[in-house]
C-alpha atoms as a PDB file:
ATOM      1  CA  UNK A   1       2.069 -96.609 -66.155  1.00  0.00           C
ATOM      2  CA  UNK A   2       3.013 -92.434 -64.940  1.00  0.00           C
ATOM      3  CA  UNK A   3       5.661 -93.278 -62.156  1.00  0.00           C
ATOM      4  CA  UNK A   4       5.537 -90.376 -59.558  1.00  0.00           C
ATOM      5  CA  UNK A   5       8.466 -88.455 -57.959  1.00  0.00           C
ATOM      6  CA  UNK A   6       9.113 -90.179 -54.250  1.00  0.00           C
ATOM      7  CA  UNK A   7       9.159 -87.972 -51.467  1.00  0.00           C
ATOM      8  CA  UNK A   8      12.128 -88.144 -49.481  1.00  0.00           C
ATOM      9  CA  UNK A   9      10.928 -87.376 -46.134  1.00  0.00           C
ATOM     10  CA  UNK A  10      14.289 -86.937 -44.355  1.00  0.00           C
ATOM     11  CA  UNK A  11      14.697 -83.333 -46.323  1.00  0.00           C
ATOM     12  CA  UNK A  12      10.875 -82.451 -45.617  1.00  0.00           C
ATOM     13  CA  UNK A  13      12.059 -83.213 -41.782  1.00  0.00           C
ATOM     14  CA  UNK A  14      15.257 -81.504 -42.734  1.00  0.00           C
ATOM     15  CA  UNK A  15      13.435 -78.347 -43.629  1.00  0.00           C
ATOM     16  CA  UNK A  16      11.384 -78.111 -41.213  1.00  0.00           C
ATOM     17  CA  UNK A  17      12.680 -78.132 -38.058  1.00  0.00           C
ATOM     18  CA  UNK A  18      15.671 -75.648 -39.823  1.00  0.00           C
ATOM     19  CA  UNK A  19      13.064 -73.303 -40.641  1.00  0.00           C
ATOM     20  CA  UNK A  20      11.445 -73.586 -37.179  1.00  0.00           C
ATOM     21  CA  UNK A  21      14.534 -73.253 -35.570  1.00  0.00           C
ATOM     22  CA  UNK A  22      15.348 -70.061 -37.684  1.00  0.00           C
ATOM     23  CA  UNK A  23      12.123 -68.375 -36.794  1.00  0.00           C
ATOM     24  CA  UNK A  24      13.103 -69.165 -33.062  1.00  0.00           C
ATOM     25  CA  UNK A  25      16.446 -68.234 -32.954  1.00  0.00           C
ATOM     26  CA  UNK A  26      14.762 -64.492 -34.853  1.00  0.00           C
ATOM     27  CA  UNK A  27      12.435 -64.365 -31.967  1.00  0.00           C
ATOM     28  CA  UNK A  28      15.241 -64.255 -29.745  1.00  0.00           C
ATOM     29  CA  UNK A  29      17.900 -62.940 -30.164  1.00  0.00           C
ATOM     30  CA  UNK A  30      17.345 -60.350 -33.447  1.00  0.00           C
ATOM     31  CA  UNK A  31      13.348 -58.750 -32.833  1.00  0.00           C
ATOM     32  CA  UNK A  32      14.124 -57.384 -29.430  1.00  0.00           C
ATOM     33  CA  UNK A  33      17.247 -55.277 -30.711  1.00  0.00           C
ATOM     34  CA  UNK A  34      15.207 -54.241 -33.380  1.00  0.00           C
ATOM     35  CA  UNK A  35      12.077 -53.708 -31.831  1.00  0.00           C
ATOM     36  CA  UNK A  36      14.300 -51.662 -29.049  1.00  0.00           C
ATOM     37  CA  UNK A  37      15.876 -49.391 -31.837  1.00  0.00           C
ATOM     38  CA  UNK A  38      12.788 -48.547 -33.069  1.00  0.00           C
ATOM     39  CA  UNK A  39      11.843 -47.312 -29.614  1.00  0.00           C
ATOM     40  CA  UNK A  40      14.924 -45.228 -29.476  1.00  0.00           C
ATOM     41  CA  UNK A  41      14.201 -44.099 -33.444  1.00  0.00           C
ATOM     42  CA  UNK A  42      10.394 -43.067 -32.300  1.00  0.00           C
ATOM     43  CA  UNK A  43      11.783 -41.473 -29.131  1.00  0.00           C
ATOM     44  CA  UNK A  44      14.416 -39.000 -30.510  1.00  0.00           C
ATOM     45  CA  UNK A  45      11.603 -38.132 -33.560  1.00  0.00           C
ATOM     46  CA  UNK A  46       9.285 -37.411 -30.022  1.00  0.00           C
ATOM     47  CA  UNK A  47      11.567 -35.137 -28.593  1.00  0.00           C
ATOM     48  CA  UNK A  48      13.056 -33.569 -31.370  1.00  0.00           C
ATOM     49  CA  UNK A  49       9.263 -32.256 -31.684  1.00  0.00           C
ATOM     50  CA  UNK A  50       8.669 -31.402 -28.716  1.00  0.00           C
ATOM     51  CA  UNK A  51      11.969 -29.293 -28.864  1.00  0.00           C
ATOM     52  CA  UNK A  52      10.544 -27.332 -31.620  1.00  0.00           C
ATOM     53  CA  UNK A  53       7.575 -26.929 -30.026  1.00  0.00           C
ATOM     54  CA  UNK A  54       8.922 -25.443 -26.792  1.00  0.00           C
ATOM     55  CA  UNK A  55      11.117 -22.965 -28.989  1.00  0.00           C
ATOM     56  CA  UNK A  56       7.214 -21.848 -30.096  1.00  0.00           C
ATOM     57  CA  UNK A  57       5.874 -21.476 -27.409  1.00  0.00           C
ATOM     58  CA  UNK A  58       8.609 -19.655 -26.176  1.00  0.00           C
ATOM     59  CA  UNK A  59       8.687 -17.278 -28.784  1.00  0.00           C
ATOM     60  CA  UNK A  60       5.188 -16.648 -28.850  1.00  0.00           C
ATOM     61  CA  UNK A  61       5.254 -15.809 -24.784  1.00  0.00           C
ATOM     62  CA  UNK A  62       8.240 -13.700 -25.409  1.00  0.00           C
ATOM     63  CA  UNK A  63       6.375 -11.679 -27.983  1.00  0.00           C
ATOM     64  CA  UNK A  64       3.991 -11.269 -25.929  1.00  0.00           C
ATOM     65  CA  UNK A  65       6.282  -9.934 -22.982  1.00  0.00           C
ATOM     66  CA  UNK A  66       8.166  -7.531 -25.678  1.00  0.00           C
ATOM     67  CA  UNK A  67       4.949  -5.988 -26.963  1.00  0.00           C
ATOM     68  CA  UNK A  68       5.201  -2.103 -26.635  1.00  0.00           C
ATOM     69  CA  UNK A  69       1.704  -0.801 -26.001  1.00  0.00           C
ATOM     70  CA  UNK A  70       0.815   2.635 -27.143  1.00  0.00           C
ATOM     71  CA  UNK A  71       1.309   5.965 -25.355  1.00  0.00           C
ATOM     72  CA  UNK A  72      -2.181   6.607 -26.780  1.00  0.00           C
ATOM     73  CA  UNK A  73      -3.621   3.285 -25.335  1.00  0.00           C
ATOM     74  CA  UNK A  74      -6.609   3.268 -22.515  1.00  0.00           C
ATOM     75  CA  UNK A  75      -5.645   3.180 -19.261  1.00  0.00           C
ATOM     76  CA  UNK A  76      -8.509  -0.349 -19.245  1.00  0.00           C
ATOM     77  CA  UNK A  77      -6.448  -1.799 -22.061  1.00  0.00           C
ATOM     78  CA  UNK A  78      -2.853  -0.996 -20.713  1.00  0.00           C
ATOM     79  CA  UNK A  79      -3.792  -2.990 -17.460  1.00  0.00           C
ATOM     80  CA  UNK A  80      -5.270  -6.202 -19.387  1.00  0.00           C
ATOM     81  CA  UNK A  81      -2.059  -5.840 -21.562  1.00  0.00           C
ATOM     82  CA  UNK A  82       0.067  -5.831 -18.698  1.00  0.00           C
ATOM     83  CA  UNK A  83      -1.573  -8.607 -16.074  1.00  0.00           C
ATOM     84  CA  UNK A  84      -1.260 -10.799 -19.917  1.00  0.00           C
ATOM     85  CA  UNK A  85       2.306  -9.567 -19.753  1.00  0.00           C
ATOM     86  CA  UNK A  86       2.834 -10.744 -16.347  1.00  0.00           C
ATOM     87  CA  UNK A  87       0.760 -13.956 -17.147  1.00  0.00           C
ATOM     88  CA  UNK A  88       3.309 -14.719 -20.409  1.00  0.00           C
ATOM     89  CA  UNK A  89       6.425 -13.569 -18.764  1.00  0.00           C
ATOM     90  CA  UNK A  90       5.745 -16.395 -15.706  1.00  0.00           C
ATOM     91  CA  UNK A  91       4.942 -18.905 -19.139  1.00  0.00           C
ATOM     92  CA  UNK A  92       7.763 -17.934 -20.156  1.00  0.00           C
ATOM     93  CA  UNK A  93      10.204 -18.626 -16.910  1.00  0.00           C
ATOM     94  CA  UNK A  94       8.217 -22.197 -16.425  1.00  0.00           C
ATOM     95  CA  UNK A  95       9.028 -23.048 -20.668  1.00  0.00           C
ATOM     96  CA  UNK A  96      12.735 -22.280 -19.773  1.00  0.00           C
ATOM     97  CA  UNK A  97      12.703 -23.999 -17.072  1.00  0.00           C
ATOM     98  CA  UNK A  98      11.292 -26.833 -18.357  1.00  0.00           C
ATOM     99  CA  UNK A  99      13.620 -27.250 -21.414  1.00  0.00           C
ATOM    100  CA  UNK A 100      16.126 -27.305 -19.007  1.00  0.00           C
ATOM    101  CA  UNK A 101      15.398 -30.573 -16.855  1.00  0.00           C
ATOM    102  CA  UNK A 102      14.545 -31.967 -19.976  1.00  0.00           C
ATOM    103  CA  UNK A 103      17.868 -30.178 -22.387  1.00  0.00           C
ATOM    104  CA  UNK A 104      19.863 -32.971 -21.519  1.00  0.00           C
ATOM    105  CA  UNK A 105      16.975 -35.542 -23.334  1.00  0.00           C
ATOM    106  CA  UNK A 106      16.592 -33.418 -25.837  1.00  0.00           C
ATOM    107  CA  UNK A 107      20.075 -32.941 -26.800  1.00  0.00           C
ATOM    108  CA  UNK A 108      20.604 -36.451 -26.186  1.00  0.00           C
ATOM    109  CA  UNK A 109      19.047 -36.389 -29.432  1.00  0.00           C
ATOM    110  CA  UNK A 110      21.550 -35.067 -31.536  1.00  0.00           C
ATOM    111  CA  UNK A 111      25.115 -35.884 -32.288  1.00  0.00           C
ATOM    112  CA  UNK A 112      28.466 -33.600 -32.879  1.00  0.00           C
ATOM    113  CA  UNK A 113      27.732 -29.914 -33.114  1.00  0.00           C
ATOM    114  CA  UNK A 114      23.945 -29.933 -33.395  1.00  0.00           C
ATOM    115  CA  UNK A 115      23.837 -31.309 -29.091  1.00  0.00           C
ATOM    116  CA  UNK A 116      26.436 -28.756 -28.245  1.00  0.00           C
ATOM    117  CA  UNK A 117      23.593 -26.167 -30.323  1.00  0.00           C
ATOM    118  CA  UNK A 118      21.250 -27.071 -28.299  1.00  0.00           C
ATOM    119  CA  UNK A 119      22.842 -27.222 -24.471  1.00  0.00           C
ATOM    120  CA  UNK A 120      23.983 -23.642 -25.655  1.00  0.00           C
ATOM    121  CA  UNK A 121      20.624 -22.725 -26.826  1.00  0.00           C
ATOM    122  CA  UNK A 122      19.154 -23.647 -23.493  1.00  0.00           C
ATOM    123  CA  UNK A 123      21.808 -22.130 -21.487  1.00  0.00           C
ATOM    124  CA  UNK A 124      21.510 -18.687 -23.218  1.00  0.00           C
ATOM    125  CA  UNK A 125      17.626 -18.911 -22.583  1.00  0.00           C
ATOM    126  CA  UNK A 126      18.437 -19.476 -18.777  1.00  0.00           C
ATOM    127  CA  UNK A 127      21.196 -16.882 -18.733  1.00  0.00           C
ATOM    128  CA  UNK A 128      18.981 -13.905 -20.602  1.00  0.00           C
ATOM    129  CA  UNK A 129      16.114 -14.911 -18.057  1.00  0.00           C
ATOM    130  CA  UNK A 130      18.208 -14.654 -14.644  1.00  0.00           C
ATOM    131  CA  UNK A 131      19.813 -11.043 -16.740  1.00  0.00           C
ATOM    132  CA  UNK A 132      19.729  -7.813 -14.848  1.00  0.00           C
ATOM    133  CA  UNK A 133      18.126  -6.919 -17.582  1.00  0.00           C
ATOM    134  CA  UNK A 134      14.816  -5.223 -17.724  1.00  0.00           C
ATOM    135  CA  UNK A 135      12.446  -7.961 -18.853  1.00  0.00           C
ATOM    136  CA  UNK A 136      11.173  -6.160 -22.118  1.00  0.00           C
ATOM    137  CA  UNK A 137      14.478  -6.567 -23.414  1.00  0.00           C
ATOM    138  CA  UNK A 138      15.540 -10.005 -22.110  1.00  0.00           C
ATOM    139  CA  UNK A 139      11.790 -11.185 -24.038  1.00  0.00           C
ATOM    140  CA  UNK A 140      13.375  -9.268 -27.132  1.00  0.00           C
ATOM    141  CA  UNK A 141      16.402 -11.110 -27.196  1.00  0.00           C
ATOM    142  CA  UNK A 142      14.631 -14.067 -26.555  1.00  0.00           C
ATOM    143  CA  UNK A 143      12.222 -14.057 -29.065  1.00  0.00           C
ATOM    144  CA  UNK A 144      15.235 -13.885 -31.469  1.00  0.00           C
ATOM    145  CA  UNK A 145      16.924 -16.245 -29.934  1.00  0.00           C
ATOM    146  CA  UNK A 146      13.983 -18.834 -29.692  1.00  0.00           C
ATOM    147  CA  UNK A 147      12.204 -17.728 -33.089  1.00  0.00           C
ATOM    148  CA  UNK A 148      15.712 -19.125 -35.016  1.00  0.00           C
ATOM    149  CA  UNK A 149      15.618 -21.654 -33.000  1.00  0.00           C
ATOM    150  CA  UNK A 150      12.511 -22.948 -34.140  1.00  0.00           C
ATOM    151  CA  UNK A 151      13.113 -22.362 -37.850  1.00  0.00           C
ATOM    152  CA  UNK A 152      16.158 -24.496 -37.337  1.00  0.00           C
ATOM    153  CA  UNK A 153      14.444 -27.094 -35.831  1.00  0.00           C
ATOM    154  CA  UNK A 154      12.373 -27.341 -37.948  1.00  0.00           C
ATOM    155  CA  UNK A 155      11.641 -30.283 -41.145  1.00  0.00           C
ATOM    156  CA  UNK A 156      11.719 -28.855 -44.849  1.00  0.00           C
ATOM    157  CA  UNK A 157      10.851 -31.424 -47.433  1.00  0.00           C
ATOM    158  CA  UNK A 158      13.562 -32.219 -50.111  1.00  0.00           C
ATOM    159  CA  UNK A 159      11.243 -30.372 -52.347  1.00  0.00           C
ATOM    160  CA  UNK A 160      11.261 -27.554 -50.291  1.00  0.00           C
ATOM    161  CA  UNK A 161      14.562 -25.392 -51.212  1.00  0.00           C
ATOM    162  CA  UNK A 162      13.612 -22.394 -50.104  1.00  0.00           C
ATOM    163  CA  UNK A 163      13.235 -24.305 -46.852  1.00  0.00           C
ATOM    164  CA  UNK A 164      15.987 -25.350 -46.596  1.00  0.00           C
ATOM    165  CA  UNK A 165      18.237 -22.540 -47.337  1.00  0.00           C
ATOM    166  CA  UNK A 166      15.842 -20.921 -44.601  1.00  0.00           C
ATOM    167  CA  UNK A 167      16.978 -23.309 -42.391  1.00  0.00           C
ATOM    168  CA  UNK A 168      20.270 -23.333 -42.464  1.00  0.00           C
ATOM    169  CA  UNK A 169      20.463 -19.239 -42.136  1.00  0.00           C
ATOM    170  CA  UNK A 170      18.152 -19.814 -39.081  1.00  0.00           C
ATOM    171  CA  UNK A 171      21.161 -22.101 -37.524  1.00  0.00           C
ATOM    172  CA  UNK A 172      23.774 -19.955 -37.771  1.00  0.00           C
ATOM    173  CA  UNK A 173      21.490 -17.421 -36.655  1.00  0.00           C
ATOM    174  CA  UNK A 174      21.334 -19.645 -33.387  1.00  0.00           C
ATOM    175  CA  UNK A 175      25.088 -20.107 -32.869  1.00  0.00           C
ATOM    176  CA  UNK A 176      25.698 -16.531 -33.686  1.00  0.00           C
ATOM    177  CA  UNK A 177      22.507 -15.326 -30.896  1.00  0.00           C
ATOM    178  CA  UNK A 178      23.938 -18.415 -28.537  1.00  0.00           C
ATOM    179  CA  UNK A 179      28.263 -16.928 -28.752  1.00  0.00           C
ATOM    180  CA  UNK A 180      26.845 -13.743 -28.310  1.00  0.00           C
ATOM    181  CA  UNK A 181      24.553 -14.115 -24.980  1.00  0.00           C
ATOM    182  CA  UNK A 182      27.531 -16.979 -23.599  1.00  0.00           C
ATOM    183  CA  UNK A 183      30.222 -15.938 -25.182  1.00  0.00           C
ATOM    184  CA  UNK A 184      31.229 -20.115 -26.760  1.00  0.00           C
ATOM    185  CA  UNK A 185      32.184 -20.060 -29.922  1.00  0.00           C
ATOM    186  CA  UNK A 186      29.459 -23.142 -31.496  1.00  0.00           C
END
């Protein structure tokens, strides 16, 4: 006759109660913090993508505003281009104002020198738009600054060495341009 081992039901009950208590503690203590951290990370990535998209929109609008119309262009074409340049200038001003209004949210996703760089970038854009320079000259400088910032904010893959180098150069260009326009060394 084969003897089956006896089950120690006290040990089974103790293990079940311990598992229930552990899972409840995990659900109430650890998971909310993990979920909150996940939301913070997702929000930071979303804000960085918004900042990149804004830099691209600013670059595009500044390129249109700074476009030179050939002297031999038809008067109708010239008129159409001037209308579009006015529209893009209004768009450029609105985009920079929106970026300035949300600048703290965007800059807050970065640490240290990058935070200062984003704040300086937004300040330089505003300063250029408020300057007494002709509109075309403002747009040329804004296009340089926003274009460099768009490259600096891009996220190349690890194996894309050329893009990593281009991003590093763009960061230095942004620092140089921001320092030149704000007078603050970054």
